[in-house]
Amino acid sequence: HRYVDLQYCNGGGEIIEYHPLPLLSGLDDYNPAKDVTHYNPPAKAAAILRMTAGCFAVFLPSDGHMPKIEDDMHLNVQKVVIKIDLCLLA
């Protein structure tokens, strides 16, 4: 709700599905300590990002995203997630 996520893949790989937030229905309440809400995703993603070593993605608070989906090519993913408070970007 108040952080931009910068996700960098430094090893392995994953798929991240993107869904516009207004199209999602919540499964639980927002957890401010973890900056996460779980949603019921639509049957089809609006966009699919294939992340491999060296790739990064930026997600705004209005971007619904589901990371850590296995890509059938990598056994795991090593990644760095940096949370940037929106007040630092104003």
N, C-alpha and C. Protein backbone atom coordinates (compact mmCIF):
# COMPACT_ATOMS: atom_id res chain seq x y z
N HIS A 1 0.80 -1.20 0.00
CA HIS A 1 0.00 0.00 0.00
C HIS A 1 0.85 1.26 0.00
N ARG A 2 2.06 1.16 0.55
CA ARG A 2 2.87 2.37 0.58
C ARG A 2 4.29 2.15 0.07
N TYR A 3 4.55 0.98 -0.50
CA TYR A 3 5.90 0.68 -0.99
C TYR A 3 5.90 0.31 -2.47
N VAL A 4 6.97 0.70 -3.13
CA VAL A 4 7.27 0.23 -4.47
C VAL A 4 8.21 -0.96 -4.29
N ASP A 5 7.95 -2.06 -4.99
CA ASP A 5 8.82 -3.23 -4.92
C ASP A 5 9.78 -3.22 -6.10
N LEU A 6 11.05 -3.29 -5.81
CA LEU A 6 12.07 -3.51 -6.83
C LEU A 6 12.55 -4.94 -6.62
N GLN A 7 12.28 -5.81 -7.58
CA GLN A 7 12.64 -7.23 -7.45
C GLN A 7 13.73 -7.53 -8.47
N TYR A 8 14.87 -8.02 -7.99
CA TYR A 8 16.01 -8.34 -8.83
C TYR A 8 16.32 -9.83 -8.71
N CYS A 9 16.41 -10.52 -9.83
CA CYS A 9 16.74 -11.94 -9.85
C CYS A 9 18.25 -12.07 -10.01
N ASN A 10 18.92 -12.63 -9.00
CA ASN A 10 20.37 -12.79 -9.12
C ASN A 10 20.78 -14.25 -9.32
N GLY A 11 19.83 -15.14 -9.48
CA GLY A 11 20.15 -16.53 -9.78
C GLY A 11 18.89 -17.35 -9.98
N GLY A 12 18.99 -18.37 -10.80
CA GLY A 12 17.82 -19.22 -11.06
C GLY A 12 16.82 -18.49 -11.94
N GLY A 13 15.55 -18.72 -11.68
CA GLY A 13 14.52 -18.07 -12.46
C GLY A 13 13.15 -18.30 -11.87
N GLU A 14 12.20 -17.53 -12.34
CA GLU A 14 10.82 -17.62 -11.88
C GLU A 14 9.92 -16.95 -12.89
N ILE A 15 8.64 -17.13 -12.70
CA ILE A 15 7.63 -16.39 -13.44
C ILE A 15 6.90 -15.51 -12.43
N ILE A 16 6.61 -14.28 -12.85
CA ILE A 16 5.79 -13.38 -12.05
C ILE A 16 4.58 -13.01 -12.89
N GLU A 17 3.39 -13.27 -12.36
CA GLU A 17 2.16 -12.86 -13.04
C GLU A 17 1.78 -11.46 -12.55
N TYR A 18 1.33 -10.64 -13.50
CA TYR A 18 0.83 -9.30 -13.17
C TYR A 18 -0.68 -9.28 -13.39
N HIS A 19 -1.38 -8.68 -12.44
CA HIS A 19 -2.82 -8.51 -12.51
C HIS A 19 -3.17 -7.10 -12.06
N PRO A 20 -3.99 -6.36 -12.80
CA PRO A 20 -4.43 -5.05 -12.30
C PRO A 20 -5.19 -5.24 -10.98
N LEU A 21 -4.83 -4.48 -10.00
CA LEU A 21 -5.40 -4.64 -8.66
C LEU A 21 -6.93 -4.57 -8.62
N PRO A 22 -7.59 -3.70 -9.40
CA PRO A 22 -9.05 -3.66 -9.33
C PRO A 22 -9.74 -4.96 -9.77
N LEU A 23 -9.02 -5.83 -10.50
CA LEU A 23 -9.61 -7.09 -10.96
C LEU A 23 -9.44 -8.23 -9.97
N LEU A 24 -8.79 -7.96 -8.83
CA LEU A 24 -8.49 -9.01 -7.86
C LEU A 24 -9.44 -8.95 -6.67
N SER A 25 -9.78 -10.12 -6.16
CA SER A 25 -10.55 -10.20 -4.92
C SER A 25 -9.64 -10.73 -3.83
N GLY A 26 -9.65 -10.06 -2.68
CA GLY A 26 -8.74 -10.40 -1.59
C GLY A 26 -9.09 -11.69 -0.87
N LEU A 27 -8.06 -12.42 -0.50
CA LEU A 27 -8.23 -13.63 0.32
C LEU A 27 -8.01 -13.32 1.79
N ASP A 28 -7.24 -12.29 2.05
CA ASP A 28 -6.99 -11.88 3.43
C ASP A 28 -6.78 -10.38 3.48
N ASP A 29 -6.67 -9.84 4.69
CA ASP A 29 -6.45 -8.41 4.87
C ASP A 29 -4.99 -8.07 4.63
N TYR A 30 -4.74 -6.81 4.33
CA TYR A 30 -3.38 -6.31 4.15
C TYR A 30 -2.58 -6.49 5.43
N ASN A 31 -1.37 -7.02 5.30
CA ASN A 31 -0.46 -7.19 6.43
C ASN A 31 0.63 -6.13 6.31
N PRO A 32 0.53 -5.03 7.07
CA PRO A 32 1.51 -3.96 6.93
C PRO A 32 2.93 -4.36 7.34
N ALA A 33 3.07 -5.30 8.27
CA ALA A 33 4.41 -5.73 8.69
C ALA A 33 5.16 -6.41 7.55
N LYS A 34 4.44 -7.15 6.73
CA LYS A 34 5.05 -7.86 5.59
C LYS A 34 4.77 -7.18 4.26
N ASP A 35 3.95 -6.13 4.27
CA ASP A 35 3.53 -5.42 3.06
C ASP A 35 2.99 -6.40 2.02
N VAL A 36 1.97 -7.18 2.44
CA VAL A 36 1.43 -8.20 1.54
C VAL A 36 -0.07 -8.37 1.76
N THR A 37 -0.76 -8.64 0.68
CA THR A 37 -2.15 -9.09 0.69
C THR A 37 -2.21 -10.24 -0.30
N HIS A 38 -2.89 -11.30 0.05
CA HIS A 38 -3.06 -12.43 -0.88
C HIS A 38 -4.40 -12.28 -1.59
N TYR A 39 -4.38 -12.57 -2.89
CA TYR A 39 -5.57 -12.40 -3.72
C TYR A 39 -5.92 -13.69 -4.44
N ASN A 40 -7.15 -13.76 -4.87
CA ASN A 40 -7.63 -14.81 -5.76
C ASN A 40 -7.33 -14.34 -7.19
N PRO A 41 -6.34 -14.90 -7.88
CA PRO A 41 -6.01 -14.38 -9.21
C PRO A 41 -7.04 -14.78 -10.26
N PRO A 42 -7.22 -13.93 -11.28
CA PRO A 42 -8.09 -14.32 -12.40
C PRO A 42 -7.52 -15.53 -13.12
N ALA A 43 -8.32 -16.15 -13.97
CA ALA A 43 -7.87 -17.35 -14.69
C ALA A 43 -6.69 -17.05 -15.61
N LYS A 44 -6.61 -15.83 -16.13
CA LYS A 44 -5.54 -15.47 -17.05
C LYS A 44 -4.87 -14.19 -16.57
N ALA A 45 -3.54 -14.21 -16.54
CA ALA A 45 -2.78 -13.03 -16.13
C ALA A 45 -2.83 -11.97 -17.22
N ALA A 46 -2.80 -10.70 -16.80
CA ALA A 46 -2.74 -9.60 -17.76
C ALA A 46 -1.37 -9.58 -18.44
N ALA A 47 -0.34 -9.98 -17.69
CA ALA A 47 1.03 -10.05 -18.23
C ALA A 47 1.81 -11.10 -17.46
N ILE A 48 2.77 -11.71 -18.14
CA ILE A 48 3.64 -12.71 -17.52
C ILE A 48 5.09 -12.26 -17.72
N LEU A 49 5.81 -12.18 -16.61
CA LEU A 49 7.23 -11.81 -16.66
C LEU A 49 8.07 -13.05 -16.40
N ARG A 50 8.98 -13.34 -17.28
CA ARG A 50 9.90 -14.45 -17.08
C ARG A 50 11.22 -13.87 -16.58
N MET A 51 11.49 -14.14 -15.33
CA MET A 51 12.66 -13.56 -14.67
C MET A 51 13.80 -14.57 -14.63
N THR A 52 14.97 -14.15 -15.08
CA THR A 52 16.18 -14.96 -14.96
C THR A 52 17.28 -14.05 -14.41
N ALA A 53 18.42 -14.62 -14.11
CA ALA A 53 19.52 -13.86 -13.50
C ALA A 53 19.80 -12.59 -14.30
N GLY A 54 19.85 -11.48 -13.59
CA GLY A 54 20.12 -10.18 -14.20
C GLY A 54 18.88 -9.37 -14.52
N CYS A 55 17.71 -9.97 -14.44
CA CYS A 55 16.45 -9.26 -14.73
C CYS A 55 15.92 -8.59 -13.46
N PHE A 56 15.21 -7.49 -13.67
CA PHE A 56 14.54 -6.86 -12.54
C PHE A 56 13.16 -6.39 -12.96
N ALA A 57 12.30 -6.19 -11.98
CA ALA A 57 10.95 -5.68 -12.22
C ALA A 57 10.62 -4.69 -11.11
N VAL A 58 9.80 -3.70 -11.46
CA VAL A 58 9.36 -2.70 -10.50
C VAL A 58 7.84 -2.76 -10.43
N PHE A 59 7.32 -2.87 -9.22
CA PHE A 59 5.87 -2.94 -9.01
C PHE A 59 5.43 -1.81 -8.09
N LEU A 60 4.46 -1.05 -8.55
CA LEU A 60 3.87 0.01 -7.74
C LEU A 60 2.82 -0.60 -6.81
N PRO A 61 2.37 0.14 -5.79
CA PRO A 61 1.35 -0.41 -4.90
C PRO A 61 0.06 -0.80 -5.63
N SER A 62 -0.20 -0.21 -6.77
CA SER A 62 -1.41 -0.53 -7.53
C SER A 62 -1.24 -1.71 -8.47
N ASP A 63 -0.05 -2.32 -8.47
CA ASP A 63 0.24 -3.46 -9.34
C ASP A 63 0.11 -4.76 -8.56
N GLY A 64 -0.90 -5.56 -8.88
CA GLY A 64 -1.02 -6.88 -8.29
C GLY A 64 -0.01 -7.80 -8.95
N HIS A 65 0.79 -8.48 -8.17
CA HIS A 65 1.78 -9.39 -8.76
C HIS A 65 1.94 -10.64 -7.90
N MET A 66 2.16 -11.75 -8.59
CA MET A 66 2.31 -13.04 -7.93
C MET A 66 3.66 -13.63 -8.34
N PRO A 67 4.68 -13.51 -7.49
CA PRO A 67 6.02 -14.01 -7.80
C PRO A 67 6.19 -15.47 -7.41
N LYS A 68 7.39 -15.96 -7.68
CA LYS A 68 7.85 -17.30 -7.29
C LYS A 68 7.04 -18.43 -7.91
N ILE A 69 6.59 -18.24 -9.16
CA ILE A 69 5.95 -19.33 -9.89
C ILE A 69 7.06 -20.07 -10.63
N GLU A 70 7.13 -21.38 -10.45
CA GLU A 70 8.18 -22.17 -11.10
C GLU A 70 8.08 -22.05 -12.62
N ASP A 71 9.23 -21.94 -13.26
CA ASP A 71 9.26 -21.76 -14.72
C ASP A 71 9.64 -23.04 -15.48
N ASP A 72 9.75 -24.16 -14.79
CA ASP A 72 10.08 -25.46 -15.38
C ASP A 72 11.47 -25.53 -16.00
N MET A 73 12.29 -24.50 -15.80
CA MET A 73 13.66 -24.53 -16.30
C MET A 73 14.67 -24.38 -15.17
N HIS A 74 14.25 -23.78 -14.07
CA HIS A 74 15.13 -23.53 -12.93
C HIS A 74 14.54 -24.18 -11.69
N LEU A 75 15.40 -24.75 -10.87
CA LEU A 75 14.92 -25.40 -9.65
C LEU A 75 14.49 -24.40 -8.58
N ASN A 76 15.11 -23.23 -8.61
CA ASN A 76 14.78 -22.23 -7.59
C ASN A 76 15.13 -20.85 -8.12
N VAL A 77 14.83 -19.87 -7.33
CA VAL A 77 15.17 -18.49 -7.66
C VAL A 77 15.86 -17.86 -6.46
N GLN A 78 16.91 -17.13 -6.73
CA GLN A 78 17.53 -16.30 -5.71
C GLN A 78 17.25 -14.87 -6.13
N LYS A 79 16.66 -14.11 -5.23
CA LYS A 79 16.28 -12.76 -5.60
C LYS A 79 16.44 -11.81 -4.44
N VAL A 80 16.53 -10.54 -4.79
CA VAL A 80 16.59 -9.46 -3.82
C VAL A 80 15.35 -8.61 -4.04
N VAL A 81 14.64 -8.33 -2.96
CA VAL A 81 13.47 -7.46 -3.04
C VAL A 81 13.76 -6.24 -2.18
N ILE A 82 13.69 -5.08 -2.82
CA ILE A 82 13.91 -3.81 -2.12
C ILE A 82 12.57 -3.09 -2.07
N LYS A 83 12.16 -2.71 -0.88
CA LYS A 83 10.91 -1.98 -0.69
C LYS A 83 11.25 -0.50 -0.53
N ILE A 84 10.71 0.32 -1.43
CA ILE A 84 10.98 1.75 -1.44
C ILE A 84 9.72 2.48 -0.99
N ASP A 85 9.81 3.19 0.12
CA ASP A 85 8.66 3.93 0.64
C ASP A 85 8.29 5.03 -0.35
N LEU A 86 7.00 5.10 -0.66
CA LEU A 86 6.52 6.08 -1.63
C LEU A 86 6.88 7.52 -1.25
N CYS A 87 6.98 7.82 0.05
CA CYS A 87 7.30 9.18 0.44
C CYS A 87 8.71 9.59 -0.01
N LEU A 88 9.57 8.62 -0.29
CA LEU A 88 10.92 8.94 -0.78
C LEU A 88 10.91 9.30 -2.26
N LEU A 89 9.83 9.00 -2.96
CA LEU A 89 9.75 9.27 -4.39
C LEU A 89 9.00 10.56 -4.71
N ALA A 90 8.47 11.20 -3.71
CA ALA A 90 7.68 12.42 -3.95
C ALA A 90 8.56 13.64 -4.08
